[in-house]
Amino acid sequence: MNWLPLSELKDDEKIGTGRKIRLYNVGLNVESKADDYFEYMVSFIYENNQHLQLTCLSQGEAGNIICVLEKDLPNHYAFGKELKRMMGTENTFIKIEPGAPGNAD
């Protein structure tokens, strides 16, 4: 599993559900800066066919939504450009798993 800086993500990369995003330097009281992050997962929104949401998976913040992404309708994914627009690229990384749905091979 590799983490790619969002600044290096292609604008036309398809961002589907299940993709994980990390936002570092969030200000957690941890010994190592490597552990100072919140992790999010791209997921569907109940009864909303136009957007995807980024839901926090990290303890203490789990379930919180940081943003929504506009889907490339009629498809069920957003593009990297939209993710970068909504999350920003500073301190933000995306998990790259070759062969997984919505991931580049």
N, C-alpha and C. Protein backbone atom coordinates (compact mmCIF):
# COMPACT_ATOMS: atom_id res chain seq x y z
N MET A 1 0.85 -1.18 0.00
CA MET A 1 0.00 0.00 0.00
C MET A 1 0.88 1.23 0.00
N ASN A 2 0.58 2.15 -0.89
CA ASN A 2 1.35 3.38 -1.02
C ASN A 2 0.43 4.58 -0.83
N TRP A 3 1.00 5.64 -0.31
CA TRP A 3 0.27 6.90 -0.15
C TRP A 3 0.87 7.92 -1.09
N LEU A 4 0.05 8.48 -1.95
CA LEU A 4 0.47 9.44 -2.96
C LEU A 4 0.03 10.83 -2.52
N PRO A 5 0.94 11.82 -2.55
CA PRO A 5 0.51 13.19 -2.25
C PRO A 5 -0.59 13.60 -3.22
N LEU A 6 -1.62 14.24 -2.72
CA LEU A 6 -2.73 14.65 -3.57
C LEU A 6 -2.26 15.59 -4.68
N SER A 7 -1.19 16.32 -4.42
CA SER A 7 -0.66 17.24 -5.44
C SER A 7 -0.16 16.49 -6.67
N GLU A 8 0.16 15.19 -6.52
CA GLU A 8 0.65 14.38 -7.64
C GLU A 8 -0.45 13.55 -8.30
N LEU A 9 -1.66 13.61 -7.77
CA LEU A 9 -2.79 12.88 -8.34
C LEU A 9 -3.22 13.51 -9.65
N LYS A 10 -3.48 12.70 -10.65
CA LYS A 10 -3.95 13.21 -11.94
C LYS A 10 -5.36 13.77 -11.80
N ASP A 11 -5.62 14.87 -12.48
CA ASP A 11 -6.94 15.49 -12.43
C ASP A 11 -8.03 14.57 -12.96
N ASP A 12 -7.69 13.69 -13.90
CA ASP A 12 -8.69 12.79 -14.48
C ASP A 12 -8.74 11.42 -13.80
N GLU A 13 -8.04 11.26 -12.66
CA GLU A 13 -8.10 10.01 -11.89
C GLU A 13 -9.52 9.81 -11.36
N LYS A 14 -10.05 8.61 -11.52
CA LYS A 14 -11.39 8.30 -11.03
C LYS A 14 -11.31 8.00 -9.54
N ILE A 15 -12.14 8.71 -8.77
CA ILE A 15 -12.18 8.55 -7.33
C ILE A 15 -13.52 7.90 -6.98
N GLY A 16 -13.47 6.61 -6.68
CA GLY A 16 -14.68 5.86 -6.35
C GLY A 16 -14.78 5.59 -4.87
N THR A 17 -15.89 4.97 -4.48
CA THR A 17 -16.10 4.64 -3.07
C THR A 17 -15.05 3.64 -2.61
N GLY A 18 -14.71 3.75 -1.35
CA GLY A 18 -13.70 2.87 -0.76
C GLY A 18 -12.30 3.45 -0.77
N ARG A 19 -12.08 4.49 -1.56
CA ARG A 19 -10.74 5.13 -1.57
C ARG A 19 -10.50 5.79 -0.23
N LYS A 20 -9.27 5.73 0.26
CA LYS A 20 -8.91 6.33 1.54
C LYS A 20 -8.01 7.54 1.33
N ILE A 21 -8.24 8.55 2.15
CA ILE A 21 -7.52 9.81 2.10
C ILE A 21 -7.00 10.10 3.50
N ARG A 22 -5.77 10.59 3.60
CA ARG A 22 -5.22 11.02 4.88
C ARG A 22 -4.90 12.50 4.85
N LEU A 23 -5.30 13.17 5.90
CA LEU A 23 -4.98 14.57 6.10
C LEU A 23 -4.05 14.65 7.31
N TYR A 24 -2.79 15.03 7.06
CA TYR A 24 -1.76 15.09 8.11
C TYR A 24 -1.70 16.47 8.76
N ASN A 25 -0.98 16.52 9.89
CA ASN A 25 -0.77 17.75 10.66
C ASN A 25 -2.09 18.36 11.11
N VAL A 26 -2.93 17.50 11.71
CA VAL A 26 -4.25 17.96 12.17
C VAL A 26 -4.22 18.44 13.62
N GLY A 27 -3.09 18.29 14.30
CA GLY A 27 -2.95 18.81 15.65
C GLY A 27 -3.26 17.82 16.75
N LEU A 28 -3.14 16.53 16.47
CA LEU A 28 -3.35 15.53 17.50
C LEU A 28 -2.19 15.55 18.50
N ASN A 29 -2.45 15.21 19.72
CA ASN A 29 -1.43 15.16 20.75
C ASN A 29 -0.77 13.77 20.71
N VAL A 30 0.13 13.58 19.74
CA VAL A 30 0.82 12.30 19.54
C VAL A 30 2.32 12.54 19.54
N GLU A 31 3.07 11.50 19.90
CA GLU A 31 4.53 11.63 19.95
C GLU A 31 5.14 11.82 18.57
N SER A 32 4.66 11.07 17.60
CA SER A 32 5.24 11.09 16.27
C SER A 32 4.35 11.86 15.29
N LYS A 33 4.96 12.77 14.55
CA LYS A 33 4.22 13.51 13.53
C LYS A 33 3.64 12.57 12.46
N ALA A 34 4.25 11.39 12.30
CA ALA A 34 3.75 10.40 11.34
C ALA A 34 2.37 9.88 11.74
N ASP A 35 2.02 10.04 13.02
CA ASP A 35 0.72 9.58 13.52
C ASP A 35 -0.29 10.72 13.67
N ASP A 36 0.09 11.91 13.23
CA ASP A 36 -0.76 13.10 13.36
C ASP A 36 -1.61 13.27 12.11
N TYR A 37 -2.63 12.42 11.98
CA TYR A 37 -3.50 12.47 10.80
C TYR A 37 -4.90 11.97 11.13
N PHE A 38 -5.84 12.37 10.27
CA PHE A 38 -7.17 11.78 10.24
C PHE A 38 -7.28 11.05 8.91
N GLU A 39 -7.92 9.88 8.94
CA GLU A 39 -8.11 9.10 7.73
C GLU A 39 -9.59 9.13 7.36
N TYR A 40 -9.85 9.30 6.07
CA TYR A 40 -11.21 9.40 5.54
C TYR A 40 -11.43 8.35 4.46
N MET A 41 -12.69 7.97 4.26
CA MET A 41 -13.04 7.06 3.19
C MET A 41 -14.12 7.70 2.32
N VAL A 42 -13.97 7.55 1.01
CA VAL A 42 -14.98 8.02 0.08
C VAL A 42 -16.14 7.04 0.13
N SER A 43 -17.36 7.57 0.32
CA SER A 43 -18.53 6.71 0.39
C SER A 43 -19.75 7.39 -0.24
N PHE A 44 -20.76 6.56 -0.49
CA PHE A 44 -22.02 7.08 -1.02
C PHE A 44 -22.77 7.84 0.06
N ILE A 45 -23.68 8.70 -0.36
CA ILE A 45 -24.57 9.43 0.54
C ILE A 45 -25.98 8.89 0.29
N TYR A 46 -26.62 8.45 1.34
CA TYR A 46 -27.97 7.90 1.23
C TYR A 46 -28.91 8.89 0.54
N GLU A 47 -29.60 8.42 -0.48
CA GLU A 47 -30.58 9.18 -1.26
C GLU A 47 -30.00 10.43 -1.93
N ASN A 48 -28.70 10.44 -2.19
CA ASN A 48 -28.07 11.55 -2.91
C ASN A 48 -27.23 10.94 -4.03
N ASN A 49 -27.72 11.04 -5.24
CA ASN A 49 -27.04 10.44 -6.38
C ASN A 49 -26.04 11.37 -7.05
N GLN A 50 -25.94 12.62 -6.58
CA GLN A 50 -25.09 13.60 -7.24
C GLN A 50 -23.73 13.78 -6.57
N HIS A 51 -23.57 13.28 -5.34
CA HIS A 51 -22.35 13.51 -4.60
C HIS A 51 -21.84 12.25 -3.89
N LEU A 52 -20.57 12.27 -3.55
CA LEU A 52 -19.94 11.30 -2.66
C LEU A 52 -19.47 12.07 -1.44
N GLN A 53 -19.23 11.39 -0.33
CA GLN A 53 -18.76 12.09 0.86
C GLN A 53 -17.46 11.47 1.36
N LEU A 54 -16.69 12.26 2.08
CA LEU A 54 -15.49 11.77 2.75
C LEU A 54 -15.80 11.67 4.24
N THR A 55 -15.88 10.44 4.72
CA THR A 55 -16.26 10.15 6.09
C THR A 55 -15.02 9.79 6.89
N CYS A 56 -14.86 10.40 8.06
CA CYS A 56 -13.69 10.13 8.90
C CYS A 56 -13.77 8.74 9.52
N LEU A 57 -12.64 8.04 9.51
CA LEU A 57 -12.52 6.71 10.10
C LEU A 57 -11.73 6.73 11.41
N SER A 58 -11.10 7.84 11.72
CA SER A 58 -10.19 7.93 12.86
C SER A 58 -10.93 8.04 14.19
N GLN A 59 -10.37 7.37 15.20
CA GLN A 59 -10.95 7.37 16.54
C GLN A 59 -11.12 8.80 17.04
N GLY A 60 -12.25 9.06 17.64
CA GLY A 60 -12.55 10.38 18.18
C GLY A 60 -13.24 11.30 17.19
N GLU A 61 -13.10 11.02 15.91
CA GLU A 61 -13.73 11.82 14.87
C GLU A 61 -14.55 10.95 13.91
N ALA A 62 -14.57 9.65 14.15
CA ALA A 62 -15.22 8.70 13.24
C ALA A 62 -16.67 9.11 12.96
N GLY A 63 -17.03 9.05 11.70
CA GLY A 63 -18.38 9.39 11.27
C GLY A 63 -18.54 10.82 10.81
N ASN A 64 -17.61 11.69 11.19
CA ASN A 64 -17.70 13.08 10.75
C ASN A 64 -17.40 13.18 9.26
N ILE A 65 -18.08 14.08 8.59
CA ILE A 65 -17.91 14.29 7.15
C ILE A 65 -17.08 15.56 6.96
N ILE A 66 -15.98 15.45 6.19
CA ILE A 66 -15.15 16.63 5.96
C ILE A 66 -15.60 17.41 4.72
N CYS A 67 -16.10 16.69 3.70
CA CYS A 67 -16.56 17.37 2.51
C CYS A 67 -17.35 16.40 1.64
N VAL A 68 -17.98 16.93 0.61
CA VAL A 68 -18.64 16.11 -0.39
C VAL A 68 -18.00 16.40 -1.74
N LEU A 69 -18.02 15.39 -2.61
CA LEU A 69 -17.46 15.50 -3.95
C LEU A 69 -18.58 15.39 -4.97
N GLU A 70 -18.56 16.25 -5.96
CA GLU A 70 -19.54 16.17 -7.03
C GLU A 70 -19.16 15.02 -7.96
N LYS A 71 -20.12 14.11 -8.21
CA LYS A 71 -19.86 12.97 -9.08
C LYS A 71 -19.88 13.40 -10.54
N ASP A 72 -19.21 12.64 -11.37
CA ASP A 72 -19.24 12.80 -12.81
C ASP A 72 -20.42 11.99 -13.33
N LEU A 73 -21.60 12.57 -13.24
CA LEU A 73 -22.82 11.86 -13.62
C LEU A 73 -22.82 11.51 -15.10
N PRO A 74 -23.34 10.37 -15.48
CA PRO A 74 -24.11 9.42 -14.69
C PRO A 74 -23.22 8.39 -13.97
N ASN A 75 -21.92 8.62 -13.96
CA ASN A 75 -20.99 7.67 -13.32
C ASN A 75 -21.07 7.77 -11.80
N HIS A 76 -20.53 6.76 -11.14
CA HIS A 76 -20.56 6.73 -9.67
C HIS A 76 -19.18 7.03 -9.10
N TYR A 77 -18.49 7.98 -9.70
CA TYR A 77 -17.18 8.40 -9.21
C TYR A 77 -17.01 9.89 -9.44
N ALA A 78 -16.06 10.46 -8.73
CA ALA A 78 -15.64 11.84 -8.93
C ALA A 78 -14.25 11.79 -9.55
N PHE A 79 -13.75 12.92 -9.96
CA PHE A 79 -12.40 12.99 -10.53
C PHE A 79 -11.42 13.58 -9.51
N GLY A 80 -10.14 13.28 -9.73
CA GLY A 80 -9.08 13.79 -8.87
C GLY A 80 -9.12 15.31 -8.74
N LYS A 81 -9.48 15.99 -9.80
CA LYS A 81 -9.56 17.45 -9.79
C LYS A 81 -10.56 17.92 -8.72
N GLU A 82 -11.68 17.22 -8.62
CA GLU A 82 -12.71 17.58 -7.63
C GLU A 82 -12.21 17.31 -6.21
N LEU A 83 -11.53 16.19 -6.01
CA LEU A 83 -10.98 15.87 -4.69
C LEU A 83 -9.96 16.92 -4.26
N LYS A 84 -9.09 17.32 -5.16
CA LYS A 84 -8.09 18.34 -4.85
C LYS A 84 -8.75 19.68 -4.54
N ARG A 85 -9.81 20.01 -5.28
CA ARG A 85 -10.53 21.28 -5.06
C ARG A 85 -11.15 21.32 -3.67
N MET A 86 -11.73 20.19 -3.26
CA MET A 86 -12.43 20.16 -1.98
C MET A 86 -11.51 19.96 -0.77
N MET A 87 -10.45 19.18 -0.92
CA MET A 87 -9.56 18.88 0.21
C MET A 87 -8.32 19.76 0.26
N GLY A 88 -7.95 20.33 -0.86
CA GLY A 88 -6.66 21.02 -0.93
C GLY A 88 -5.57 19.97 -1.08
N THR A 89 -4.38 20.39 -1.41
CA THR A 89 -3.30 19.43 -1.65
C THR A 89 -2.25 19.43 -0.55
N GLU A 90 -2.27 20.41 0.32
CA GLU A 90 -1.26 20.48 1.38
C GLU A 90 -1.55 19.45 2.47
N ASN A 91 -0.58 18.61 2.77
CA ASN A 91 -0.67 17.60 3.83
C ASN A 91 -1.73 16.54 3.56
N THR A 92 -2.14 16.36 2.31
CA THR A 92 -3.21 15.43 1.97
C THR A 92 -2.67 14.35 1.03
N PHE A 93 -2.99 13.09 1.35
CA PHE A 93 -2.49 11.94 0.60
C PHE A 93 -3.64 11.00 0.29
N ILE A 94 -3.50 10.24 -0.81
CA ILE A 94 -4.49 9.26 -1.21
C ILE A 94 -3.83 7.89 -1.27
N LYS A 95 -4.56 6.89 -0.80
CA LYS A 95 -4.04 5.52 -0.79
C LYS A 95 -4.15 4.93 -2.19
N ILE A 96 -3.05 4.41 -2.67
CA ILE A 96 -3.00 3.78 -3.98
C ILE A 96 -2.81 2.27 -3.80
N GLU A 97 -3.79 1.52 -4.28
CA GLU A 97 -3.74 0.06 -4.23
C GLU A 97 -4.01 -0.46 -5.64
N PRO A 98 -2.96 -0.81 -6.38
CA PRO A 98 -3.15 -1.29 -7.76
C PRO A 98 -4.17 -2.42 -7.83
N GLY A 99 -5.06 -2.29 -8.81
CA GLY A 99 -6.05 -3.32 -9.04
C GLY A 99 -7.35 -3.14 -8.30
N ALA A 100 -7.38 -2.23 -7.31
CA ALA A 100 -8.61 -2.01 -6.57
C ALA A 100 -9.56 -1.12 -7.39
N PRO A 101 -10.88 -1.31 -7.25
CA PRO A 101 -11.83 -0.50 -7.99
C PRO A 101 -11.61 0.99 -7.72
N GLY A 102 -11.64 1.79 -8.76
CA GLY A 102 -11.45 3.23 -8.61
C GLY A 102 -10.03 3.65 -8.41
N ASN A 103 -9.07 2.71 -8.51
CA ASN A 103 -7.67 3.01 -8.37
C ASN A 103 -6.97 2.81 -9.70
N ALA A 104 -5.93 3.56 -9.93
CA ALA A 104 -5.11 3.36 -11.13
C ALA A 104 -4.31 2.07 -10.97
N ASP A 105 -4.16 1.33 -12.05
CA ASP A 105 -3.36 0.09 -12.02
C ASP A 105 -1.90 0.39 -12.21
